Amino acid sequence: MKIAFLGLALVLTIAFLVACGGYKSPNTNQNVSGVKFRAFVSQNVSTSSVSGGLDIVDATLDRLIRAPGVSDANSPGLMAVSGNRAVTLVFDAGTNAVNVVNNKQETSAGTIPLPNWTESLAVTPDASVGYAAVLNAPVAGQASGAVEMMNLSSLVLETPIPVPSVHYIVLSPDSTRLLAFSDNSDNATLINFQNISTTSTPNWVVNGAPQTITGLNRPVWATFSNDSSTAYIMNCGQECSPTAPLASVSSISFANNPTLALSQTLTIPGGATYGVLQGTRLFVAGTTPGTVCGTTPCGTLNVIDVSNVSALQVMDTQPITDGYHNRMAITADNQVFVGARMCSGPCLSMYNATTRAVVIGSDMGDVTAVQPVTGRPEVYVVENGELRVWLTPSDTLQIPQNQMNISGFAVDVKIVD
């Protein structure tokens, strides 16, 4: 009787805790790292001593926890993390497939094959849909190129959206607009989406036919305002085509603008291949075409005041490394990290947005990832296949003994918590 009574008391206690939210069943996934603040690092080399996959880093301690932590993708590279941190999309160059990783479980939910390679991914903040720009996707009766729409619940491709020679895509914060940029074109393509779900489960569908934005100059990238109502487009100009006009930035407001007329096009010094918006300041990086750099930085970082969408103004211009700039991030303490590829010297530049000082990185090789560490004065940078930890107060490398040794060849790094 006493044993039975104690057993009944234990059952009632657990039931009470469950009802109050105070009891959680043990985690049955023994492979989960248990780290509360993580970064995933894609590592795409497999040898007899190391396997390709996603390495897991404890981003609180700057410590490599497991390599690989998720190994379904053998040649992982480019990654994209949903805004709710639920999933990470990982492009596997070996199979031309997108691996969908469940961040909480640290396991692959499955893969979605693409018709060809991609260099640009996007994912809705609610983790329901992913997008990939596939330049060589076959399209019946048309030139190759399509934006592939991936259903992340059923792990299948939706009907592709034909965009000839599409190379880069940018999704608006509210998921209703996607800008697509094609090689050797002076136009951009706007694809509109709407959520037709009447429940809490989103159901994003294409809203009307794709629209063309004209009057541009070899556009390659864009960034949206926080409310998704305005976009700032980087016009590569002569950096992408010797016969094109000078590089510029075009602004466009989508409100009450059925013809998609540009609000303004501002010619800027140097080049314009990538940009990031912080409040009313737009940071744009590029390289002056035809310049012999040597050891002298001959790229440019322009800071543009966008407080008036029709009256953009250059606030500052500073020299940075050359190369093709396609990675950038701004830290909480106003450090702008800019990465490039195909440089004549180091490919990393650090701009202090408060003092306007520029520091050039010390490592040689392409920068393939720039990831600020949330809540810490650090930035993870992947350069020439190495994961490096930079300290933002001084724009210097973390001491060697506190750097992480990623075996193989790192490509991308993303904070997933």
Protein backbone atom coordinates (compact mmCIF):
# COMPACT_ATOMS: atom_id res chain seq x y z
CA MET A 1 0.00 0.00 0.00
CA LYS A 2 2.80 2.40 0.86
CA ILE A 3 4.61 1.76 -2.45
CA ALA A 4 1.38 2.18 -4.42
CA PHE A 5 0.68 5.46 -2.60
CA LEU A 6 4.14 6.83 -3.40
CA GLY A 7 3.75 5.82 -7.06
CA LEU A 8 0.41 7.59 -7.25
CA ALA A 9 1.87 10.69 -5.62
CA LEU A 10 4.70 10.77 -8.16
CA VAL A 11 2.28 10.51 -11.08
CA LEU A 12 0.12 13.31 -9.66
CA THR A 13 3.20 15.50 -9.11
CA ILE A 14 4.39 15.08 -12.70
CA ALA A 15 0.87 15.76 -13.99
CA PHE A 16 0.75 18.98 -11.96
CA LEU A 17 4.14 20.13 -13.27
CA VAL A 18 3.16 19.40 -16.86
CA ALA A 19 -0.06 21.40 -16.46
CA CYS A 20 1.89 24.33 -15.02
CA GLY A 21 4.63 24.19 -17.60
CA GLY A 22 7.24 23.25 -14.99
CA TYR A 23 8.14 19.81 -16.30
CA LYS A 24 9.90 18.92 -19.52
CA SER A 25 10.46 15.39 -20.68
CA PRO A 26 14.11 14.44 -21.17
CA ASN A 27 15.57 15.20 -24.59
CA THR A 28 15.68 11.86 -26.38
CA ASN A 29 18.04 13.10 -29.08
CA GLN A 30 21.41 12.13 -27.68
CA ASN A 31 23.23 13.83 -30.58
CA VAL A 32 22.12 17.37 -29.71
CA SER A 33 25.07 19.43 -28.47
CA GLY A 34 23.14 21.17 -25.70
CA VAL A 35 24.93 24.45 -26.47
CA LYS A 36 22.57 27.39 -26.03
CA PHE A 37 24.32 29.93 -28.28
CA ARG A 38 25.65 28.31 -31.44
CA ALA A 39 27.17 29.05 -34.79
CA PHE A 40 27.16 26.64 -37.72
CA VAL A 41 30.26 26.55 -39.92
CA SER A 42 30.01 24.89 -43.34
CA GLN A 43 33.12 22.84 -44.09
CA ASN A 44 33.24 21.29 -47.57
CA VAL A 45 36.30 19.02 -47.53
CA SER A 46 36.23 15.30 -46.75
CA THR A 47 39.43 13.32 -46.28
CA SER A 48 40.49 10.23 -44.36
CA SER A 49 40.83 12.36 -41.23
CA VAL A 50 37.98 14.89 -41.59
CA SER A 51 34.42 14.83 -42.92
CA GLY A 52 32.58 17.59 -44.70
CA GLY A 53 29.47 18.93 -42.98
CA LEU A 54 28.35 21.60 -40.54
CA ASP A 55 30.66 22.15 -37.59
CA ILE A 56 29.04 23.41 -34.38
CA VAL A 57 30.66 26.26 -32.48
CA ASP A 58 29.85 27.47 -28.98
CA ALA A 59 29.58 31.19 -29.77
CA THR A 60 29.76 32.15 -26.09
CA LEU A 61 33.17 30.56 -25.59
CA ASP A 62 34.49 30.62 -29.20
CA ARG A 63 34.97 26.89 -28.98
CA LEU A 64 34.54 24.19 -31.61
CA ILE A 65 32.11 21.65 -30.12
CA ARG A 66 31.57 19.09 -32.83
CA ALA A 67 32.96 18.52 -36.31
CA PRO A 68 30.88 17.75 -38.16
CA GLY A 69 27.77 18.41 -36.12
CA VAL A 70 25.42 17.89 -39.07
CA SER A 71 26.87 15.78 -41.85
CA ASP A 72 24.08 15.16 -44.39
CA ALA A 73 25.64 17.67 -46.80
CA ASN A 74 29.08 16.43 -47.87
CA SER A 75 30.11 19.64 -49.68
CA PRO A 76 28.22 22.39 -47.81
CA GLY A 77 28.87 26.03 -48.61
CA LEU A 78 26.43 28.94 -48.76
CA MET A 79 23.91 29.08 -45.90
CA ALA A 80 20.79 31.08 -45.03
CA VAL A 81 19.07 31.17 -41.62
CA SER A 82 15.37 31.91 -41.14
CA GLY A 83 14.46 34.95 -39.04
CA ASN A 84 12.84 32.76 -36.38
CA ARG A 85 16.08 30.71 -36.18
CA ALA A 86 14.15 27.48 -36.81
CA VAL A 87 15.97 26.28 -39.93
CA THR A 88 19.21 26.76 -41.82
CA LEU A 89 19.35 26.23 -45.58
CA VAL A 90 22.66 24.79 -46.73
CA PHE A 91 23.64 24.53 -50.39
CA ASP A 92 25.59 21.37 -51.18
CA ALA A 93 27.83 22.03 -54.19
CA GLY A 94 28.49 18.32 -54.64
CA THR A 95 24.85 17.48 -55.36
CA ASN A 96 23.33 20.87 -56.29
CA ALA A 97 20.82 20.37 -53.50
CA VAL A 98 19.63 22.46 -50.56
CA ASN A 99 19.86 20.71 -47.20
CA VAL A 100 17.19 21.85 -44.72
CA VAL A 101 18.59 21.72 -41.19
CA ASN A 102 16.42 21.76 -38.10
CA ASN A 103 18.43 24.07 -35.86
CA LYS A 104 16.94 22.87 -32.57
CA GLN A 105 17.50 19.20 -33.30
CA GLU A 106 20.81 19.77 -35.14
CA THR A 107 19.68 17.30 -37.78
CA SER A 108 18.76 17.40 -41.43
CA ALA A 109 15.02 17.46 -42.17
CA GLY A 110 15.81 16.46 -45.77
CA THR A 111 17.18 17.80 -49.03
CA ILE A 112 15.62 19.60 -51.98
CA PRO A 113 17.42 19.01 -55.30
CA LEU A 114 17.94 22.07 -57.50
CA PRO A 115 18.27 21.89 -61.30
CA ASN A 116 21.74 23.46 -61.12
CA TRP A 117 24.07 25.43 -58.84
CA THR A 118 23.17 28.57 -56.95
CA GLU A 119 25.13 31.43 -55.41
CA SER A 120 22.18 33.16 -53.76
CA LEU A 121 19.66 31.86 -51.20
CA ALA A 122 16.84 33.49 -49.24
CA VAL A 123 14.37 32.17 -46.66
CA THR A 124 11.19 33.63 -45.22
CA PRO A 125 11.43 34.70 -41.56
CA ASP A 126 8.74 32.12 -40.67
CA ALA A 127 10.88 29.29 -42.12
CA SER A 128 8.13 28.13 -44.49
CA VAL A 129 9.64 28.94 -47.90
CA GLY A 130 13.15 29.15 -49.33
CA TYR A 131 14.32 30.68 -52.59
CA ALA A 132 17.34 30.02 -54.79
CA ALA A 133 18.60 31.90 -57.85
CA VAL A 134 19.53 29.21 -60.38
CA LEU A 135 21.22 30.86 -63.34
CA ASN A 136 21.34 27.69 -65.47
CA ALA A 137 17.92 26.28 -64.63
CA PRO A 138 16.33 24.97 -67.85
CA VAL A 139 13.05 26.68 -68.79
CA ALA A 140 10.96 25.28 -71.64
CA GLY A 141 10.79 27.67 -74.57
CA GLN A 142 12.84 30.36 -72.83
CA ALA A 143 16.40 31.27 -71.95
CA SER A 144 17.74 29.41 -68.91
CA GLY A 145 17.40 30.89 -65.44
CA ALA A 146 14.76 30.71 -62.72
CA VAL A 147 14.04 31.58 -59.13
CA GLU A 148 13.29 28.24 -57.48
CA MET A 149 10.71 28.32 -54.70
CA MET A 150 11.22 25.62 -52.04
CA ASN A 151 8.42 24.41 -49.77
CA LEU A 152 10.25 23.75 -46.50
CA SER A 153 7.40 21.71 -44.99
CA SER A 154 6.97 19.18 -47.80
CA LEU A 155 10.60 19.55 -49.00
CA VAL A 156 9.64 19.97 -52.65
CA LEU A 157 10.14 22.58 -55.35
CA GLU A 158 7.14 24.69 -56.26
CA THR A 159 6.61 25.89 -59.85
CA PRO A 160 9.79 27.77 -60.85
CA ILE A 161 9.60 31.49 -61.61
CA PRO A 162 11.44 32.10 -64.92
CA VAL A 163 14.00 34.91 -64.75
CA PRO A 164 16.65 34.58 -67.50
CA SER A 165 20.25 34.50 -66.23
CA VAL A 166 19.20 35.26 -62.64
CA HIS A 167 22.23 35.31 -60.34
CA TYR A 168 21.32 37.11 -57.10
CA ILE A 169 18.10 37.50 -55.11
CA VAL A 170 17.09 39.67 -52.14
CA LEU A 171 13.91 39.08 -50.10
CA SER A 172 12.12 41.90 -48.30
CA PRO A 173 11.80 41.67 -44.49
CA ASP A 174 8.03 41.03 -44.72
CA SER A 175 8.48 38.34 -47.43
CA THR A 176 6.12 40.09 -49.86
CA ARG A 177 8.76 41.21 -52.40
CA LEU A 178 11.77 39.55 -53.94
CA LEU A 179 14.23 41.39 -56.18
CA ALA A 180 16.09 39.25 -58.72
CA PHE A 181 19.20 40.36 -60.59
CA SER A 182 20.38 38.85 -63.87
CA ASP A 183 23.86 38.84 -65.38
CA ASN A 184 24.60 41.46 -68.07
CA SER A 185 21.28 43.21 -67.65
CA ASP A 186 20.22 46.80 -66.99
CA ASN A 187 16.92 45.68 -65.48
CA ALA A 188 15.83 44.05 -62.25
CA THR A 189 12.88 41.70 -61.74
CA LEU A 190 10.35 42.24 -58.95
CA ILE A 191 8.41 39.18 -57.81
CA ASN A 192 5.48 39.80 -55.45
CA PHE A 193 4.14 37.27 -52.94
CA GLN A 194 1.12 37.04 -50.67
CA ASN A 195 0.19 34.82 -47.76
CA ILE A 196 -3.20 33.25 -48.56
CA SER A 197 -3.41 31.18 -45.38
CA THR A 198 -6.37 31.71 -43.07
CA THR A 199 -4.61 29.89 -40.22
CA SER A 200 -1.41 30.38 -38.30
CA THR A 201 0.40 28.24 -40.87
CA PRO A 202 1.70 30.53 -43.66
CA ASN A 203 1.03 29.73 -47.31
CA TRP A 204 3.07 32.01 -49.56
CA VAL A 205 2.14 32.16 -53.26
CA VAL A 206 3.24 34.31 -56.19
CA ASN A 207 1.05 37.40 -56.48
CA GLY A 208 0.73 38.30 -60.16
CA ALA A 209 3.29 38.18 -62.95
CA PRO A 210 6.89 39.28 -62.31
CA GLN A 211 7.50 42.97 -63.04
CA THR A 212 10.50 44.65 -64.62
CA ILE A 213 12.32 47.62 -63.09
CA THR A 214 14.07 49.57 -65.85
CA GLY A 215 16.53 52.48 -65.95
CA LEU A 216 19.23 50.68 -63.99
CA ASN A 217 22.91 50.11 -64.78
CA ARG A 218 24.09 46.52 -64.36
CA PRO A 219 22.25 46.04 -61.02
CA VAL A 220 23.61 43.22 -58.86
CA TRP A 221 22.29 43.72 -55.32
CA ALA A 222 19.77 45.57 -53.17
CA THR A 223 18.73 46.16 -49.60
CA PHE A 224 15.24 46.94 -48.29
CA SER A 225 14.04 49.37 -45.66
CA ASN A 226 12.79 47.72 -42.47
CA ASP A 227 9.15 48.18 -43.49
CA SER A 228 9.82 46.70 -46.97
CA SER A 229 8.36 49.76 -48.68
CA THR A 230 11.63 50.99 -50.23
CA ALA A 231 14.60 49.32 -51.89
CA TYR A 232 18.09 50.63 -52.62
CA ILE A 233 19.66 48.97 -55.67
CA MET A 234 23.41 48.72 -56.27
CA ASN A 235 24.29 49.48 -59.90
CA CYS A 236 27.64 47.85 -60.63
CA GLY A 237 28.28 50.01 -63.72
CA GLN A 238 31.78 49.88 -65.16
CA GLU A 239 32.95 47.38 -62.54
CA CYS A 240 30.75 44.82 -64.31
CA SER A 241 30.84 46.20 -67.87
CA PRO A 242 33.58 48.51 -69.26
CA THR A 243 31.11 50.32 -71.54
CA ALA A 244 28.53 50.97 -68.81
CA PRO A 245 28.07 54.29 -66.97
CA LEU A 246 29.69 54.89 -63.59
CA ALA A 247 28.51 52.99 -60.54
CA SER A 248 25.43 54.31 -58.75
CA VAL A 249 22.68 53.59 -56.25
CA SER A 250 19.01 53.74 -57.26
CA SER A 251 16.16 54.14 -54.79
CA ILE A 252 12.63 52.96 -55.47
CA SER A 253 9.50 53.31 -53.38
CA PHE A 254 6.82 50.66 -53.97
CA ALA A 255 3.92 52.57 -52.42
CA ASN A 256 1.54 54.00 -55.06
CA ASN A 257 4.08 53.28 -57.78
CA PRO A 258 2.44 50.96 -60.36
CA THR A 259 4.99 51.83 -63.06
CA LEU A 260 7.93 51.09 -60.70
CA ALA A 261 9.55 54.44 -61.45
CA LEU A 262 12.87 55.06 -59.71
CA SER A 263 12.87 57.73 -57.02
CA GLN A 264 16.51 58.70 -57.69
CA THR A 265 19.80 57.41 -59.10
CA LEU A 266 22.90 58.72 -57.35
CA THR A 267 26.31 58.32 -59.02
CA ILE A 268 28.95 57.45 -56.44
CA PRO A 269 32.76 57.23 -56.40
CA GLY A 270 34.28 53.82 -57.07
CA GLY A 271 31.98 50.84 -57.45
CA ALA A 272 28.75 49.39 -56.07
CA THR A 273 28.35 45.63 -55.79
CA TYR A 274 27.02 45.24 -52.24
CA GLY A 275 25.32 47.29 -49.57
CA VAL A 276 23.81 47.15 -46.09
CA LEU A 277 21.31 49.57 -44.56
CA GLN A 278 21.51 50.79 -40.96
CA GLY A 279 18.79 53.28 -40.09
CA THR A 280 19.17 56.16 -42.53
CA ARG A 281 22.73 55.23 -43.52
CA LEU A 282 23.45 53.00 -46.48
CA PHE A 283 26.93 51.48 -46.69
CA VAL A 284 27.96 50.58 -50.26
CA ALA A 285 31.15 48.80 -51.31
CA GLY A 286 32.78 48.43 -54.73
CA THR A 287 36.02 48.76 -56.68
CA THR A 288 37.05 51.44 -59.15
CA PRO A 289 37.47 49.57 -62.45
CA GLY A 290 40.82 49.56 -64.25
CA THR A 291 42.84 50.53 -61.18
CA VAL A 292 46.12 48.81 -60.37
CA CYS A 293 46.07 48.35 -56.63
CA GLY A 294 49.22 46.59 -55.48
CA THR A 295 49.54 47.21 -51.75
CA THR A 296 47.38 50.36 -51.87
CA PRO A 297 43.67 49.81 -51.17
CA CYS A 298 41.65 50.91 -54.19
CA GLY A 299 38.18 49.75 -53.37
CA THR A 300 35.69 52.22 -51.97
CA LEU A 301 33.17 52.30 -49.16
CA ASN A 302 30.54 54.99 -49.55
CA VAL A 303 28.23 56.04 -46.73
CA ILE A 304 24.97 57.43 -48.14
CA ASP A 305 22.28 59.40 -46.32
CA VAL A 306 18.92 57.87 -47.34
CA SER A 307 16.68 59.88 -45.00
CA ASN A 308 14.99 61.27 -48.13
CA VAL A 309 14.37 58.55 -50.71
CA SER A 310 14.42 61.14 -53.51
CA ALA A 311 17.47 63.07 -52.30
CA LEU A 312 20.24 60.59 -51.53
CA GLN A 313 23.56 62.15 -50.50
CA VAL A 314 27.08 60.76 -50.05
CA MET A 315 28.21 61.42 -46.47
CA ASP A 316 31.64 59.79 -46.57
CA THR A 317 33.93 57.88 -48.94
CA GLN A 318 36.85 55.80 -47.71
CA PRO A 319 39.39 53.48 -49.41
CA ILE A 320 39.04 49.76 -48.70
CA THR A 321 40.44 46.60 -50.29
CA ASP A 322 39.82 45.90 -53.95
CA GLY A 323 38.17 42.79 -55.42
CA TYR A 324 34.50 41.97 -55.88
CA HIS A 325 32.72 42.91 -52.66
CA ASN A 326 29.82 40.63 -51.73
CA ARG A 327 29.91 40.23 -47.95
CA MET A 328 29.15 42.93 -45.38
CA ALA A 329 27.80 43.27 -41.85
CA ILE A 330 27.44 46.04 -39.27
CA THR A 331 28.10 45.32 -35.61
CA ALA A 332 26.28 46.71 -32.58
CA ASP A 333 29.24 49.02 -31.90
CA ASN A 334 29.19 50.54 -35.42
CA GLN A 335 31.98 48.56 -37.05
CA VAL A 336 31.33 47.83 -40.74
CA PHE A 337 33.03 44.62 -41.86
CA VAL A 338 33.39 44.33 -45.64
CA GLY A 339 34.57 41.19 -47.41
CA ALA A 340 35.56 40.65 -51.05
CA ARG A 341 36.96 38.00 -53.37
CA MET A 342 39.65 38.07 -56.07
CA CYS A 343 41.69 40.74 -54.28
CA SER A 344 45.26 41.82 -55.00
CA GLY A 345 45.96 41.86 -51.26
CA PRO A 346 43.91 41.09 -48.12
CA CYS A 347 40.15 40.91 -48.79
CA LEU A 348 38.82 42.20 -45.44
CA SER A 349 38.21 45.85 -44.55
CA MET A 350 36.85 47.26 -41.28
CA TYR A 351 35.30 50.73 -41.19
CA ASN A 352 34.54 52.50 -37.91
CA ALA A 353 31.30 54.35 -38.60
CA THR A 354 31.92 56.66 -35.65
CA THR A 355 35.53 57.73 -36.27
CA ARG A 356 35.58 56.99 -40.05
CA ALA A 357 38.85 55.07 -39.64
CA VAL A 358 39.58 52.06 -41.86
CA VAL A 359 41.59 48.97 -40.88
CA ILE A 360 42.66 46.42 -43.49
CA GLY A 361 42.76 42.75 -42.50
CA SER A 362 46.00 40.82 -42.37
CA ASP A 363 45.00 37.51 -43.98
CA MET A 364 45.18 36.82 -47.70
CA GLY A 365 42.42 35.03 -49.60
CA ASP A 366 38.73 35.43 -50.42
CA VAL A 367 36.32 36.40 -47.65
CA THR A 368 33.32 34.09 -47.93
CA ALA A 369 31.50 34.92 -44.68
CA VAL A 370 31.09 37.78 -42.21
CA GLN A 371 28.98 37.10 -39.11
CA PRO A 372 28.75 39.40 -36.07
CA VAL A 373 28.43 37.48 -32.80
CA THR A 374 25.23 38.70 -31.16
CA GLY A 375 25.78 40.34 -27.78
CA ARG A 376 29.57 40.05 -27.95
CA PRO A 377 32.19 42.46 -29.38
CA GLU A 378 33.29 39.92 -31.96
CA VAL A 379 32.85 39.03 -35.62
CA TYR A 380 33.39 35.61 -37.16
CA VAL A 381 35.05 35.90 -40.58
CA VAL A 382 35.85 33.09 -43.00
CA GLU A 383 38.85 33.96 -45.15
CA ASN A 384 40.74 31.56 -47.37
CA GLY A 385 38.96 28.63 -45.72
CA GLU A 386 39.88 29.62 -42.16
CA LEU A 387 37.45 30.72 -39.44
CA ARG A 388 38.86 33.82 -37.77
CA VAL A 389 37.65 35.70 -34.68
CA TRP A 390 37.96 39.50 -34.84
CA LEU A 391 37.53 41.84 -31.87
CA THR A 392 35.49 44.92 -32.73
CA PRO A 393 36.72 47.38 -30.05
CA SER A 394 40.21 47.26 -31.57
CA ASP A 395 39.55 45.73 -35.02
CA THR A 396 42.25 43.17 -34.27
CA LEU A 397 42.38 39.40 -34.39
CA GLN A 398 41.69 37.42 -31.25
CA ILE A 399 44.93 36.06 -29.79
CA PRO A 400 46.10 32.88 -31.60
CA GLN A 401 45.43 30.51 -28.71
CA ASN A 402 41.77 31.63 -28.68
CA GLN A 403 41.22 31.10 -32.41
CA MET A 404 39.34 27.99 -33.54
CA ASN A 405 40.97 25.40 -35.74
CA ILE A 406 38.47 24.25 -38.38
CA SER A 407 39.94 21.22 -40.13
CA GLY A 408 39.33 21.16 -43.87
CA PHE A 409 38.04 24.24 -45.69
CA ALA A 410 35.41 26.51 -44.12
CA VAL A 411 33.03 28.38 -46.41
CA ASP A 412 30.26 30.05 -44.43
CA VAL A 413 29.36 30.77 -40.80
CA LYS A 414 25.97 31.67 -39.34
CA ILE A 415 24.69 32.33 -35.81
CA VAL A 416 21.65 30.09 -35.34
CA ASP A 417 20.44 31.16 -31.86
